[in-house]
Amino acid sequence: PATIWTSEEEGALVEFLLSEFSASGDGNPKEATFKAAASLLTERFPNASGAEKTSDACRNKWQSLKSAYNTVLDIKNTSGFTWSDEFGAGIVRKNDDVWDRYV
């Protein structure tokens, strides 16, 4: 089965990894940190859906969340875009030219 993440599990993962940030050195968590995150998630969410949240699953989720975060930052900093933390990018037809240039 696939790994299924709830927003609570994602939040717990991010919170844990950020708390261990100083141990990462270069900003990328070490294998031991992902193993500890997997253990924490198993303990905190014993009835989680989907496949077990292994250290690899935690690393993949972290990279995915980090990529999405960096994309949002990039959009927020690109001229011609608008961003609202409540409504997101506000994609509308009148901004087609901005999106075409961005993509």
N, C-alpha and C. Protein backbone atom coordinates (compact mmCIF):
# COMPACT_ATOMS: atom_id res chain seq x y z
N PRO A 1 0.82 -1.20 0.00
CA PRO A 1 0.00 0.00 0.00
C PRO A 1 0.86 1.27 0.00
N ALA A 2 0.28 2.32 -0.47
CA ALA A 2 0.98 3.61 -0.52
C ALA A 2 0.97 4.26 0.87
N THR A 3 1.93 5.12 1.09
CA THR A 3 1.96 5.89 2.32
C THR A 3 0.92 7.00 2.22
N ILE A 4 0.05 7.08 3.19
CA ILE A 4 -0.99 8.11 3.22
C ILE A 4 -0.68 9.04 4.39
N TRP A 5 -0.64 10.34 4.10
CA TRP A 5 -0.31 11.33 5.11
C TRP A 5 -1.52 12.21 5.41
N THR A 6 -1.83 12.37 6.69
CA THR A 6 -2.84 13.34 7.10
C THR A 6 -2.13 14.66 7.36
N SER A 7 -2.89 15.73 7.44
CA SER A 7 -2.27 17.02 7.74
C SER A 7 -1.65 17.01 9.14
N GLU A 8 -2.24 16.25 10.07
CA GLU A 8 -1.68 16.16 11.42
C GLU A 8 -0.32 15.45 11.39
N GLU A 9 -0.22 14.40 10.59
CA GLU A 9 1.05 13.68 10.47
C GLU A 9 2.11 14.55 9.80
N GLU A 10 1.71 15.26 8.74
CA GLU A 10 2.65 16.17 8.09
C GLU A 10 3.13 17.24 9.07
N GLY A 11 2.20 17.78 9.84
CA GLY A 11 2.57 18.80 10.83
C GLY A 11 3.54 18.27 11.86
N ALA A 12 3.29 17.05 12.34
CA ALA A 12 4.18 16.43 13.33
C ALA A 12 5.56 16.20 12.74
N LEU A 13 5.62 15.76 11.49
CA LEU A 13 6.91 15.55 10.82
C LEU A 13 7.68 16.86 10.71
N VAL A 14 7.02 17.89 10.21
CA VAL A 14 7.69 19.18 10.03
C VAL A 14 8.14 19.74 11.37
N GLU A 15 7.26 19.68 12.36
CA GLU A 15 7.59 20.19 13.70
C GLU A 15 8.83 19.47 14.25
N PHE A 16 8.85 18.15 14.12
CA PHE A 16 9.99 17.39 14.62
C PHE A 16 11.27 17.74 13.87
N LEU A 17 11.21 17.76 12.54
CA LEU A 17 12.42 18.04 11.76
C LEU A 17 12.94 19.45 12.03
N LEU A 18 12.05 20.41 12.19
CA LEU A 18 12.50 21.77 12.51
C LEU A 18 13.12 21.83 13.89
N SER A 19 12.62 21.02 14.83
CA SER A 19 13.20 21.00 16.18
C SER A 19 14.61 20.41 16.17
N GLU A 20 14.91 19.60 15.15
CA GLU A 20 16.21 18.96 15.02
C GLU A 20 17.11 19.68 14.01
N PHE A 21 16.68 20.86 13.58
CA PHE A 21 17.37 21.56 12.50
C PHE A 21 18.84 21.82 12.80
N SER A 22 19.16 22.18 14.03
CA SER A 22 20.56 22.49 14.36
C SER A 22 21.47 21.28 14.20
N ALA A 23 20.92 20.08 14.33
CA ALA A 23 21.73 18.86 14.17
C ALA A 23 21.97 18.52 12.71
N SER A 24 21.27 19.21 11.81
CA SER A 24 21.39 18.86 10.39
C SER A 24 22.62 19.45 9.73
N GLY A 25 23.23 20.44 10.35
CA GLY A 25 24.45 21.02 9.79
C GLY A 25 24.20 21.85 8.56
N ASP A 26 23.96 21.20 7.43
CA ASP A 26 23.80 21.91 6.16
C ASP A 26 22.34 22.18 5.82
N GLY A 27 21.44 21.94 6.77
CA GLY A 27 20.02 22.18 6.52
C GLY A 27 19.27 20.97 6.01
N ASN A 28 19.99 19.88 5.77
CA ASN A 28 19.36 18.64 5.32
C ASN A 28 19.45 17.62 6.45
N PRO A 29 18.30 17.16 6.95
CA PRO A 29 18.33 16.20 8.06
C PRO A 29 19.11 14.94 7.70
N LYS A 30 19.77 14.40 8.70
CA LYS A 30 20.56 13.17 8.55
C LYS A 30 19.64 11.95 8.62
N GLU A 31 20.15 10.80 8.21
CA GLU A 31 19.38 9.55 8.22
C GLU A 31 18.85 9.25 9.62
N ALA A 32 19.66 9.46 10.64
CA ALA A 32 19.23 9.19 12.02
C ALA A 32 18.03 10.06 12.40
N THR A 33 17.98 11.27 11.89
CA THR A 33 16.86 12.17 12.17
C THR A 33 15.59 11.65 11.52
N PHE A 34 15.69 11.17 10.28
CA PHE A 34 14.51 10.61 9.61
C PHE A 34 14.05 9.32 10.30
N LYS A 35 14.98 8.52 10.81
CA LYS A 35 14.61 7.31 11.56
C LYS A 35 13.87 7.69 12.83
N ALA A 36 14.37 8.72 13.52
CA ALA A 36 13.72 9.18 14.74
C ALA A 36 12.33 9.74 14.43
N ALA A 37 12.20 10.43 13.30
CA ALA A 37 10.90 10.96 12.89
C ALA A 37 9.92 9.83 12.62
N ALA A 38 10.39 8.78 11.94
CA ALA A 38 9.53 7.63 11.66
C ALA A 38 9.05 6.97 12.96
N SER A 39 9.95 6.84 13.93
CA SER A 39 9.58 6.26 15.22
C SER A 39 8.55 7.12 15.94
N LEU A 40 8.77 8.42 15.91
CA LEU A 40 7.84 9.36 16.54
C LEU A 40 6.44 9.24 15.92
N LEU A 41 6.39 9.19 14.60
CA LEU A 41 5.10 9.10 13.91
C LEU A 41 4.39 7.79 14.22
N THR A 42 5.15 6.69 14.28
CA THR A 42 4.56 5.39 14.60
C THR A 42 3.98 5.40 16.00
N GLU A 43 4.70 6.04 16.92
CA GLU A 43 4.24 6.12 18.31
C GLU A 43 3.04 7.05 18.45
N ARG A 44 3.11 8.20 17.80
CA ARG A 44 2.06 9.21 17.96
C ARG A 44 0.78 8.86 17.19
N PHE A 45 0.94 8.16 16.07
CA PHE A 45 -0.21 7.81 15.22
C PHE A 45 -0.25 6.29 14.98
N PRO A 46 -0.58 5.52 16.02
CA PRO A 46 -0.51 4.05 15.89
C PRO A 46 -1.52 3.46 14.91
N ASN A 47 -2.58 4.17 14.60
CA ASN A 47 -3.61 3.66 13.69
C ASN A 47 -3.58 4.37 12.35
N ALA A 48 -2.41 4.81 11.93
CA ALA A 48 -2.28 5.55 10.68
C ALA A 48 -2.68 4.69 9.48
N SER A 49 -3.21 5.36 8.47
CA SER A 49 -3.63 4.67 7.24
C SER A 49 -2.44 4.46 6.32
N GLY A 50 -2.56 3.48 5.44
CA GLY A 50 -1.55 3.26 4.42
C GLY A 50 -0.32 2.55 4.94
N ALA A 51 0.72 2.60 4.13
CA ALA A 51 1.98 1.94 4.47
C ALA A 51 2.66 2.61 5.66
N GLU A 52 3.53 1.86 6.30
CA GLU A 52 4.30 2.38 7.43
C GLU A 52 5.11 3.60 7.00
N LYS A 53 5.20 4.56 7.89
CA LYS A 53 5.98 5.76 7.61
C LYS A 53 7.43 5.50 8.03
N THR A 54 8.19 4.97 7.10
CA THR A 54 9.60 4.63 7.32
C THR A 54 10.45 5.89 7.22
N SER A 55 11.74 5.74 7.48
CA SER A 55 12.65 6.89 7.32
C SER A 55 12.66 7.36 5.87
N ASP A 56 12.59 6.43 4.92
CA ASP A 56 12.54 6.82 3.50
C ASP A 56 11.25 7.58 3.19
N ALA A 57 10.12 7.11 3.74
CA ALA A 57 8.85 7.81 3.52
C ALA A 57 8.90 9.21 4.11
N CYS A 58 9.52 9.33 5.29
CA CYS A 58 9.66 10.65 5.92
C CYS A 58 10.55 11.57 5.09
N ARG A 59 11.65 11.03 4.57
CA ARG A 59 12.55 11.83 3.73
C ARG A 59 11.82 12.30 2.47
N ASN A 60 11.10 11.38 1.82
CA ASN A 60 10.37 11.73 0.60
C ASN A 60 9.31 12.80 0.87
N LYS A 61 8.58 12.66 1.99
CA LYS A 61 7.55 13.64 2.33
C LYS A 61 8.20 14.99 2.62
N TRP A 62 9.32 15.00 3.35
CA TRP A 62 10.03 16.24 3.65
C TRP A 62 10.47 16.93 2.37
N GLN A 63 11.04 16.18 1.45
CA GLN A 63 11.49 16.76 0.18
C GLN A 63 10.31 17.31 -0.62
N SER A 64 9.20 16.61 -0.60
CA SER A 64 8.00 17.07 -1.31
C SER A 64 7.45 18.36 -0.69
N LEU A 65 7.35 18.40 0.63
CA LEU A 65 6.86 19.59 1.31
C LEU A 65 7.81 20.77 1.11
N LYS A 66 9.11 20.49 1.16
CA LYS A 66 10.11 21.54 0.97
C LYS A 66 10.04 22.10 -0.45
N SER A 67 9.83 21.23 -1.42
CA SER A 67 9.71 21.66 -2.81
C SER A 67 8.47 22.54 -3.00
N ALA A 68 7.35 22.13 -2.42
CA ALA A 68 6.12 22.93 -2.52
C ALA A 68 6.31 24.28 -1.85
N TYR A 69 6.96 24.29 -0.69
CA TYR A 69 7.23 25.54 0.03
C TYR A 69 8.09 26.47 -0.81
N ASN A 70 9.14 25.92 -1.41
CA ASN A 70 10.03 26.75 -2.24
C ASN A 70 9.31 27.27 -3.48
N THR A 71 8.39 26.50 -4.04
CA THR A 71 7.61 26.96 -5.18
C THR A 71 6.72 28.13 -4.78
N VAL A 72 6.08 28.03 -3.62
CA VAL A 72 5.25 29.13 -3.14
C VAL A 72 6.10 30.38 -2.92
N LEU A 73 7.27 30.22 -2.32
CA LEU A 73 8.16 31.37 -2.13
C LEU A 73 8.54 32.00 -3.46
N ASP A 74 8.84 31.16 -4.44
CA ASP A 74 9.22 31.65 -5.76
C ASP A 74 8.07 32.43 -6.39
N ILE A 75 6.86 31.89 -6.30
CA ILE A 75 5.68 32.58 -6.85
C ILE A 75 5.46 33.91 -6.13
N LYS A 76 5.57 33.89 -4.80
CA LYS A 76 5.37 35.13 -4.03
C LYS A 76 6.37 36.21 -4.43
N ASN A 77 7.56 35.80 -4.85
CA ASN A 77 8.62 36.75 -5.17
C ASN A 77 8.73 37.07 -6.66
N THR A 78 7.82 36.52 -7.48
CA THR A 78 7.86 36.76 -8.91
C THR A 78 6.94 37.93 -9.26
N SER A 79 7.47 38.88 -9.98
CA SER A 79 6.70 40.04 -10.39
C SER A 79 5.50 39.61 -11.23
N GLY A 80 4.35 40.21 -10.95
CA GLY A 80 3.14 39.92 -11.71
C GLY A 80 2.21 38.95 -11.02
N PHE A 81 2.72 38.24 -10.00
CA PHE A 81 1.88 37.31 -9.26
C PHE A 81 1.32 37.97 -8.02
N THR A 82 0.19 37.46 -7.60
CA THR A 82 -0.34 37.84 -6.29
C THR A 82 -0.39 36.57 -5.46
N TRP A 83 -0.29 36.72 -4.15
CA TRP A 83 -0.38 35.57 -3.26
C TRP A 83 -1.11 35.98 -2.01
N SER A 84 -2.00 35.12 -1.58
CA SER A 84 -2.71 35.30 -0.33
C SER A 84 -2.55 34.02 0.46
N ASP A 85 -2.15 34.13 1.73
CA ASP A 85 -2.02 32.93 2.54
C ASP A 85 -3.38 32.25 2.76
N GLU A 86 -4.46 33.00 2.58
CA GLU A 86 -5.80 32.43 2.72
C GLU A 86 -6.29 31.79 1.43
N PHE A 87 -6.03 32.45 0.27
CA PHE A 87 -6.59 31.98 -1.00
C PHE A 87 -5.56 31.44 -1.99
N GLY A 88 -4.28 31.49 -1.66
CA GLY A 88 -3.25 30.95 -2.55
C GLY A 88 -2.89 31.90 -3.67
N ALA A 89 -2.62 31.34 -4.84
CA ALA A 89 -2.09 32.11 -5.96
C ALA A 89 -3.14 32.93 -6.68
N GLY A 90 -4.40 32.67 -6.45
CA GLY A 90 -5.44 33.45 -7.10
C GLY A 90 -5.35 33.38 -8.62
N ILE A 91 -5.28 32.17 -9.15
CA ILE A 91 -5.13 31.98 -10.59
C ILE A 91 -6.43 32.35 -11.29
N VAL A 92 -6.35 33.34 -12.15
CA VAL A 92 -7.51 33.79 -12.93
C VAL A 92 -7.07 34.00 -14.37
N ARG A 93 -8.02 34.01 -15.29
CA ARG A 93 -7.73 34.13 -16.72
C ARG A 93 -6.93 35.38 -17.05
N LYS A 94 -7.18 36.48 -16.36
CA LYS A 94 -6.49 37.72 -16.69
C LYS A 94 -4.98 37.63 -16.43
N ASN A 95 -4.54 36.61 -15.69
CA ASN A 95 -3.12 36.43 -15.40
C ASN A 95 -2.48 35.35 -16.27
N ASP A 96 -3.17 34.91 -17.33
CA ASP A 96 -2.64 33.85 -18.20
C ASP A 96 -1.25 34.17 -18.71
N ASP A 97 -1.01 35.41 -19.11
CA ASP A 97 0.30 35.77 -19.66
C ASP A 97 1.40 35.64 -18.62
N VAL A 98 1.10 35.97 -17.37
CA VAL A 98 2.08 35.85 -16.28
C VAL A 98 2.40 34.37 -16.05
N TRP A 99 1.36 33.53 -16.02
CA TRP A 99 1.57 32.09 -15.82
C TRP A 99 2.34 31.48 -16.99
N ASP A 100 2.00 31.90 -18.21
CA ASP A 100 2.70 31.38 -19.39
C ASP A 100 4.19 31.69 -19.32
N ARG A 101 4.54 32.88 -18.88
CA ARG A 101 5.96 33.24 -18.74
C ARG A 101 6.62 32.45 -17.62
N TYR A 102 5.88 32.23 -16.53
CA TYR A 102 6.44 31.52 -15.38
C TYR A 102 6.71 30.05 -15.70
N VAL A 103 5.74 29.42 -16.34
CA VAL A 103 5.85 28.00 -16.65
C VAL A 103 6.80 27.83 -17.81
